[in-house]
Amino acid sequence: MSTAARELTVLLPAVPARSPEWHAAARRARQLSWLSLAWMGAEGAIAVTAGILAGSIALLSFGLDSAIEGFASLVIVWRFTGWRLLSHAAEKRAQKLVAIQFFLLAPYVAFEALHKLLTGEQAETTWLGIALVTSSLIGMPFLGIAKRRLADTLGSVATRGEGTQNLLCAYLAAAVLVGLLGNALLGLWWLDPVAALVVAAVAVKEGRESWRGEGCCATC
């Protein structure tokens, strides 16, 4: 080996070897992210439409959260494609991008929820919205838990953050469902904006943890 080649080898950062299990987990994470993207696209379109028609801030925020989750899924697909597969810099960039998605949701939801509470503006009953959030309440935890387990195998804070967003979607679905049913069956209109405020607070907490790289395995 020439002197120049040896110097170049010293300057280049070492790329850690990855096991077949790690590569299999990376493929699985990419596949789950594609699945999430398709789900979020359909869910977001239906939720935003139903939320606007019913005047439900909780349901509208649910749809916006779906759009944000869809972007996070794209980030993970980007992270585990091509040369970025073994790139520590790509992992860090993906981690920050996923964390930012949490912060995009919270201010809008909090503002609209407070507006609804102060003005007493009531949402109408929407059985389509109730069916939609029920399906997410059932399905999203499976995706979220699977991704968080893969994150431990991959040492990926970004993947864990995306999985957390899926779990947040399930929490949001539960909160929205309580609000919609409370309004439809008991006339408790204030449950809708209160549910949205709870979700905004959780989004800020999870965003901070994801930005700092907390909550993943020690190898992250």
Protein backbone atom coordinates (compact mmCIF):
# COMPACT_ATOMS: atom_id res chain seq x y z
CA MET A 1 0.00 0.00 0.00
CA SER A 2 1.32 3.45 -0.94
CA THR A 3 1.97 6.17 1.62
CA ALA A 4 -0.95 8.24 0.25
CA ALA A 5 -3.31 5.28 0.51
CA ARG A 6 -2.24 4.60 4.09
CA GLU A 7 -2.79 8.26 5.01
CA LEU A 8 -6.24 8.21 3.39
CA THR A 9 -7.16 5.07 5.32
CA VAL A 10 -6.21 6.77 8.59
CA LEU A 11 -8.23 9.88 7.76
CA LEU A 12 -11.41 8.05 6.78
CA PRO A 13 -13.73 7.13 9.68
CA ALA A 14 -14.10 3.45 10.35
CA VAL A 15 -17.45 1.98 9.39
CA PRO A 16 -18.58 -0.53 12.01
CA ALA A 17 -19.31 -4.03 10.79
CA ARG A 18 -22.97 -4.99 10.94
CA SER A 19 -24.36 -8.46 11.49
CA PRO A 20 -26.89 -10.14 9.18
CA GLU A 21 -29.44 -9.67 11.95
CA TRP A 22 -28.82 -5.92 11.92
CA HIS A 23 -29.31 -5.72 8.15
CA ALA A 24 -32.49 -7.80 8.42
CA ALA A 25 -33.78 -5.39 11.09
CA ALA A 26 -32.95 -2.42 8.84
CA ARG A 27 -34.97 -3.95 6.00
CA ARG A 28 -37.83 -4.61 8.38
CA ALA A 29 -37.75 -1.03 9.65
CA ARG A 30 -37.87 0.25 6.07
CA GLN A 31 -40.82 -2.03 5.23
CA LEU A 32 -42.76 -0.96 8.31
CA SER A 33 -42.14 2.68 7.43
CA TRP A 34 -43.57 2.16 3.93
CA LEU A 35 -46.61 0.50 5.52
CA SER A 36 -46.98 3.42 7.93
CA LEU A 37 -46.72 5.91 5.08
CA ALA A 38 -49.60 4.29 3.20
CA TRP A 39 -51.70 4.09 6.36
CA MET A 40 -50.97 7.68 7.38
CA GLY A 41 -51.83 9.01 3.95
CA ALA A 42 -55.31 7.47 3.97
CA GLU A 43 -55.90 8.19 7.65
CA GLY A 44 -54.81 11.81 7.39
CA ALA A 45 -57.01 12.59 4.39
CA ILE A 46 -60.11 11.09 6.02
CA ALA A 47 -59.47 12.64 9.44
CA VAL A 48 -58.84 16.17 8.14
CA THR A 49 -61.95 16.03 5.94
CA ALA A 50 -64.13 14.68 8.76
CA GLY A 51 -62.63 17.14 11.25
CA ILE A 52 -63.35 20.15 9.04
CA LEU A 53 -66.90 19.02 8.34
CA ALA A 54 -67.65 18.33 12.02
CA GLY A 55 -65.70 21.29 13.42
CA SER A 56 -63.65 18.95 15.64
CA ILE A 57 -60.20 20.31 16.56
CA ALA A 58 -59.24 16.97 18.13
CA LEU A 59 -60.11 15.08 14.94
CA LEU A 60 -58.41 17.71 12.77
CA SER A 61 -55.27 17.51 14.91
CA PHE A 62 -55.42 13.75 14.54
CA GLY A 63 -55.32 14.16 10.76
CA LEU A 64 -52.43 16.63 10.94
CA ASP A 65 -50.57 14.22 13.22
CA SER A 66 -51.02 11.56 10.55
CA ALA A 67 -49.39 13.83 7.97
CA ILE A 68 -46.47 14.49 10.32
CA GLU A 69 -46.08 10.78 11.01
CA GLY A 70 -46.05 10.15 7.26
CA PHE A 71 -43.10 12.52 6.89
CA ALA A 72 -41.31 10.74 9.75
CA SER A 73 -41.83 7.44 7.92
CA LEU A 74 -40.22 8.95 4.81
CA VAL A 75 -37.25 10.01 6.94
CA ILE A 76 -36.74 6.43 8.14
CA VAL A 77 -36.98 5.06 4.59
CA TRP A 78 -34.34 7.63 3.59
CA ARG A 79 -32.20 6.71 6.59
CA PHE A 80 -32.04 3.00 5.76
CA THR A 81 -31.59 3.28 1.97
CA GLY A 82 -28.34 3.19 0.01
CA TRP A 83 -25.09 4.53 1.47
CA ARG A 84 -26.92 6.00 4.47
CA LEU A 85 -27.52 2.50 5.83
CA LEU A 86 -24.20 2.54 7.73
CA SER A 87 -23.88 6.30 8.13
CA HIS A 88 -23.77 7.68 11.67
CA ALA A 89 -24.27 11.19 10.26
CA ALA A 90 -27.45 10.07 8.48
CA GLU A 91 -28.76 8.57 11.73
CA LYS A 92 -28.16 11.84 13.58
CA ARG A 93 -29.84 13.85 10.83
CA ALA A 94 -32.81 11.48 10.79
CA GLN A 95 -33.07 11.70 14.59
CA LYS A 96 -33.35 15.50 14.45
CA LEU A 97 -35.83 15.44 11.57
CA VAL A 98 -38.11 13.01 13.40
CA ALA A 99 -37.90 15.08 16.59
CA ILE A 100 -38.92 18.24 14.72
CA GLN A 101 -42.16 16.55 13.66
CA PHE A 102 -43.32 16.44 17.27
CA PHE A 103 -42.85 20.21 17.61
CA LEU A 104 -44.77 20.98 14.43
CA LEU A 105 -47.99 19.51 15.81
CA ALA A 106 -48.10 20.92 19.34
CA PRO A 107 -48.44 24.73 18.79
CA TYR A 108 -51.28 24.51 16.28
CA VAL A 109 -53.25 21.97 18.29
CA ALA A 110 -52.81 23.91 21.54
CA PHE A 111 -53.87 27.21 19.95
CA GLU A 112 -56.98 25.77 18.31
CA ALA A 113 -57.97 23.81 21.42
CA LEU A 114 -57.72 26.89 23.64
CA HIS A 115 -59.74 28.86 21.10
CA LYS A 116 -62.48 26.21 21.20
CA LEU A 117 -62.55 26.23 25.01
CA LEU A 118 -62.71 30.03 25.27
CA THR A 119 -65.38 30.50 22.62
CA GLY A 120 -67.44 27.44 23.51
CA GLU A 121 -67.50 26.36 19.88
CA GLN A 122 -68.90 22.84 19.77
CA ALA A 123 -68.00 20.02 17.40
CA GLU A 124 -70.71 18.06 15.63
CA THR A 125 -71.10 14.30 15.89
CA THR A 126 -69.08 12.39 13.27
CA TRP A 127 -69.44 8.62 13.22
CA LEU A 128 -66.91 8.39 10.39
CA GLY A 129 -64.36 10.02 12.67
CA ILE A 130 -65.26 7.66 15.51
CA ALA A 131 -64.74 4.62 13.25
CA LEU A 132 -61.42 6.03 11.98
CA VAL A 133 -59.85 6.70 15.36
CA THR A 134 -61.06 3.33 16.65
CA SER A 135 -59.15 1.55 13.87
CA SER A 136 -56.01 3.54 14.73
CA LEU A 137 -56.40 2.84 18.43
CA ILE A 138 -56.33 -0.88 17.60
CA GLY A 139 -53.66 -0.92 14.88
CA MET A 140 -51.09 1.75 15.74
CA PRO A 141 -49.72 0.12 18.94
CA PHE A 142 -48.60 -2.92 16.92
CA LEU A 143 -46.59 -0.74 14.53
CA GLY A 144 -45.18 1.41 17.31
CA ILE A 145 -44.04 -1.48 19.51
CA ALA A 146 -42.49 -3.32 16.54
CA LYS A 147 -40.49 -0.25 15.51
CA ARG A 148 -39.26 0.46 19.04
CA ARG A 149 -38.02 -3.12 19.31
CA LEU A 150 -36.23 -2.78 15.98
CA ALA A 151 -34.72 0.49 17.24
CA ASP A 152 -33.00 -1.38 20.06
CA THR A 153 -31.53 -3.86 17.57
CA LEU A 154 -30.45 -1.09 15.19
CA GLY A 155 -29.27 1.36 17.84
CA SER A 156 -31.43 3.96 16.08
CA VAL A 157 -32.97 6.85 17.99
CA ALA A 158 -34.68 7.95 14.77
CA THR A 159 -36.46 4.61 14.40
CA ARG A 160 -37.48 4.70 18.04
CA GLY A 161 -38.81 8.21 17.55
CA GLU A 162 -40.94 7.07 14.62
CA GLY A 163 -42.28 4.18 16.69
CA THR A 164 -43.07 6.61 19.49
CA GLN A 165 -45.02 8.72 17.02
CA ASN A 166 -47.11 5.66 16.16
CA LEU A 167 -47.79 5.12 19.87
CA LEU A 168 -48.61 8.81 20.20
CA CYS A 169 -51.07 8.32 17.36
CA ALA A 170 -52.74 5.58 19.43
CA TYR A 171 -52.83 7.88 22.50
CA LEU A 172 -54.30 10.62 20.35
CA ALA A 173 -56.86 8.19 18.92
CA ALA A 174 -57.93 7.25 22.45
CA ALA A 175 -58.21 10.89 23.50
CA VAL A 176 -60.10 11.87 20.36
CA LEU A 177 -62.42 8.88 20.74
CA VAL A 178 -63.28 9.93 24.30
CA GLY A 179 -63.96 13.45 23.08
CA LEU A 180 -66.09 12.40 20.14
CA LEU A 181 -68.11 9.86 22.12
CA GLY A 182 -68.51 12.23 25.05
CA ASN A 183 -69.83 14.88 22.71
CA ALA A 184 -72.07 12.48 20.75
CA LEU A 185 -73.56 10.58 23.70
CA LEU A 186 -73.39 12.99 26.64
CA GLY A 187 -73.06 16.43 25.08
CA LEU A 188 -69.72 17.03 26.80
CA TRP A 189 -68.38 19.31 24.05
CA TRP A 190 -65.34 20.43 26.08
CA LEU A 191 -63.84 16.94 26.02
CA ASP A 192 -62.80 17.44 22.38
CA PRO A 193 -60.44 20.43 22.94
CA VAL A 194 -59.22 19.06 26.29
CA ALA A 195 -58.21 15.82 24.55
CA ALA A 196 -56.31 17.87 21.97
CA LEU A 197 -54.43 19.78 24.71
CA VAL A 198 -53.32 16.52 26.32
CA VAL A 199 -51.91 15.31 23.01
CA ALA A 200 -50.07 18.61 22.44
CA ALA A 201 -48.36 18.26 25.82
CA VAL A 202 -47.31 14.67 25.12
CA ALA A 203 -45.97 15.68 21.70
CA VAL A 204 -43.68 18.32 23.25
CA LYS A 205 -42.35 15.83 25.82
CA GLU A 206 -41.64 13.15 23.22
CA GLY A 207 -40.08 15.68 20.85
CA ARG A 208 -37.61 16.86 23.50
CA GLU A 209 -36.59 13.30 24.32
CA SER A 210 -36.15 12.40 20.67
CA TRP A 211 -34.09 15.54 19.97
CA ARG A 212 -31.74 14.70 22.85
CA GLY A 213 -31.51 11.08 21.80
CA GLU A 214 -33.07 9.74 24.97
CA GLY A 215 -34.97 6.53 25.45
CA CYS A 216 -32.96 4.23 23.17
CA CYS A 217 -30.42 1.57 23.92
CA ALA A 218 -26.93 2.38 25.07
CA THR A 219 -25.45 1.86 21.60
CA CYS A 220 -27.46 4.75 20.09
